[in-house]
Amino acid sequence: MSNFNNEPTNDKIEDYNGKESPEKRNIVRLVVILILIIGAFFAYLKTTSLPSDYIGTPENPGINTSKN
């Protein structure tokens, strides 16, 4: 039972209730921004590298599955 007495309360934690340091706040913002940028980059790659749905060659035209 003595282990429960040694646990810190929320008021003793330095990041509780908006008391975090500006450095920690900036690091968290930087990490979130970097993750968003990386996600946007991969989303761009995915949307611009869609494979063509055309089946066939110029000599033997196949089925054109375009939605036109």
C-alpha atoms as a PDB file:
ATOM      1  CA  MET A   1       0.000   0.000   0.000  1.00  0.00           C
ATOM      2  CA  SER A   2       2.921   2.386   0.485  1.00  0.00           C
ATOM      3  CA  ASN A   3       3.580   2.425  -3.292  1.00  0.00           C
ATOM      4  CA  PHE A   4       0.370   4.376  -3.838  1.00  0.00           C
ATOM      5  CA  ASN A   5       1.589   7.127  -1.522  1.00  0.00           C
ATOM      6  CA  ASN A   6       4.747   7.640  -3.576  1.00  0.00           C
ATOM      7  CA  GLU A   7       2.918   8.255  -6.853  1.00  0.00           C
ATOM      8  CA  PRO A   8       2.933  11.886  -7.995  1.00  0.00           C
ATOM      9  CA  THR A   9      -0.316  13.773  -8.091  1.00  0.00           C
ATOM     10  CA  ASN A  10      -1.347  15.808 -11.111  1.00  0.00           C
ATOM     11  CA  ASP A  11      -0.262  19.036  -9.421  1.00  0.00           C
ATOM     12  CA  LYS A  12       3.289  17.690  -8.974  1.00  0.00           C
ATOM     13  CA  ILE A  13       3.708  16.877 -12.672  1.00  0.00           C
ATOM     14  CA  GLU A  14       5.334  19.838 -14.414  1.00  0.00           C
ATOM     15  CA  ASP A  15       3.309  19.476 -17.628  1.00  0.00           C
ATOM     16  CA  TYR A  16      -0.085  19.421 -15.940  1.00  0.00           C
ATOM     17  CA  ASN A  17      -2.600  22.243 -16.294  1.00  0.00           C
ATOM     18  CA  GLY A  18      -0.732  24.319 -18.875  1.00  0.00           C
ATOM     19  CA  LYS A  19       2.518  24.565 -16.927  1.00  0.00           C
ATOM     20  CA  GLU A  20       4.718  22.997 -19.598  1.00  0.00           C
ATOM     21  CA  SER A  21       7.837  24.821 -20.676  1.00  0.00           C
ATOM     22  CA  PRO A  22       7.797  26.795 -23.920  1.00  0.00           C
ATOM     23  CA  GLU A  23      10.542  24.514 -25.256  1.00  0.00           C
ATOM     24  CA  LYS A  24       8.390  21.407 -24.805  1.00  0.00           C
ATOM     25  CA  ARG A  25       5.399  23.159 -26.353  1.00  0.00           C
ATOM     26  CA  ASN A  26       7.466  24.148 -29.409  1.00  0.00           C
ATOM     27  CA  ILE A  27       8.833  20.611 -29.805  1.00  0.00           C
ATOM     28  CA  VAL A  28       5.320  19.168 -29.765  1.00  0.00           C
ATOM     29  CA  ARG A  29       4.186  21.722 -32.345  1.00  0.00           C
ATOM     30  CA  LEU A  30       7.208  20.945 -34.525  1.00  0.00           C
ATOM     31  CA  VAL A  31       6.548  17.192 -34.382  1.00  0.00           C
ATOM     32  CA  VAL A  32       2.871  17.658 -35.287  1.00  0.00           C
ATOM     33  CA  ILE A  33       3.758  19.960 -38.197  1.00  0.00           C
ATOM     34  CA  LEU A  34       6.405  17.549 -39.496  1.00  0.00           C
ATOM     35  CA  ILE A  35       3.972  14.619 -39.347  1.00  0.00           C
ATOM     36  CA  LEU A  36       1.391  16.645 -41.280  1.00  0.00           C
ATOM     37  CA  ILE A  37       3.972  17.600 -43.911  1.00  0.00           C
ATOM     38  CA  ILE A  38       5.129  13.999 -44.309  1.00  0.00           C
ATOM     39  CA  GLY A  39       1.513  12.835 -44.574  1.00  0.00           C
ATOM     40  CA  ALA A  40       0.768  15.463 -47.208  1.00  0.00           C
ATOM     41  CA  PHE A  41       3.835  14.375 -49.170  1.00  0.00           C
ATOM     42  CA  PHE A  42       2.757  10.728 -49.204  1.00  0.00           C
ATOM     43  CA  ALA A  43      -0.808  11.709 -50.104  1.00  0.00           C
ATOM     44  CA  TYR A  44       0.557  13.730 -53.038  1.00  0.00           C
ATOM     45  CA  LEU A  45       2.656  10.790 -54.197  1.00  0.00           C
ATOM     46  CA  LYS A  46      -0.302   8.463 -53.968  1.00  0.00           C
ATOM     47  CA  THR A  47      -2.637  10.707 -55.955  1.00  0.00           C
ATOM     48  CA  THR A  48      -0.125  11.522 -58.694  1.00  0.00           C
ATOM     49  CA  SER A  49       1.118   7.982 -59.272  1.00  0.00           C
ATOM     50  CA  LEU A  50      -2.158   6.233 -60.050  1.00  0.00           C
ATOM     51  CA  PRO A  51      -1.665   3.428 -62.530  1.00  0.00           C
ATOM     52  CA  SER A  52      -3.370   3.688 -65.879  1.00  0.00           C
ATOM     53  CA  ASP A  53      -6.494   1.568 -66.247  1.00  0.00           C
ATOM     54  CA  TYR A  54      -5.861   1.087 -69.972  1.00  0.00           C
ATOM     55  CA  ILE A  55      -5.378  -2.538 -70.926  1.00  0.00           C
ATOM     56  CA  GLY A  56      -3.612  -3.120 -74.217  1.00  0.00           C
ATOM     57  CA  THR A  57      -0.823  -1.857 -76.424  1.00  0.00           C
ATOM     58  CA  PRO A  58      -0.807   0.521 -79.397  1.00  0.00           C
ATOM     59  CA  GLU A  59      -0.620  -2.483 -81.742  1.00  0.00           C
ATOM     60  CA  ASN A  60      -3.387  -4.441 -79.985  1.00  0.00           C
ATOM     61  CA  PRO A  61      -5.803  -2.057 -78.372  1.00  0.00           C
ATOM     62  CA  GLY A  62      -7.564  -3.604 -75.444  1.00  0.00           C
ATOM     63  CA  ILE A  63     -10.360  -2.564 -73.206  1.00  0.00           C
ATOM     64  CA  ASN A  64     -10.404   1.134 -72.330  1.00  0.00           C
ATOM     65  CA  THR A  65     -11.800   1.358 -68.811  1.00  0.00           C
ATOM     66  CA  SER A  66     -11.671   5.138 -68.529  1.00  0.00           C
ATOM     67  CA  LYS A  67     -14.746   6.717 -67.036  1.00  0.00           C
ATOM     68  CA  ASN A  68     -15.322   9.117 -69.955  1.00  0.00           C
END
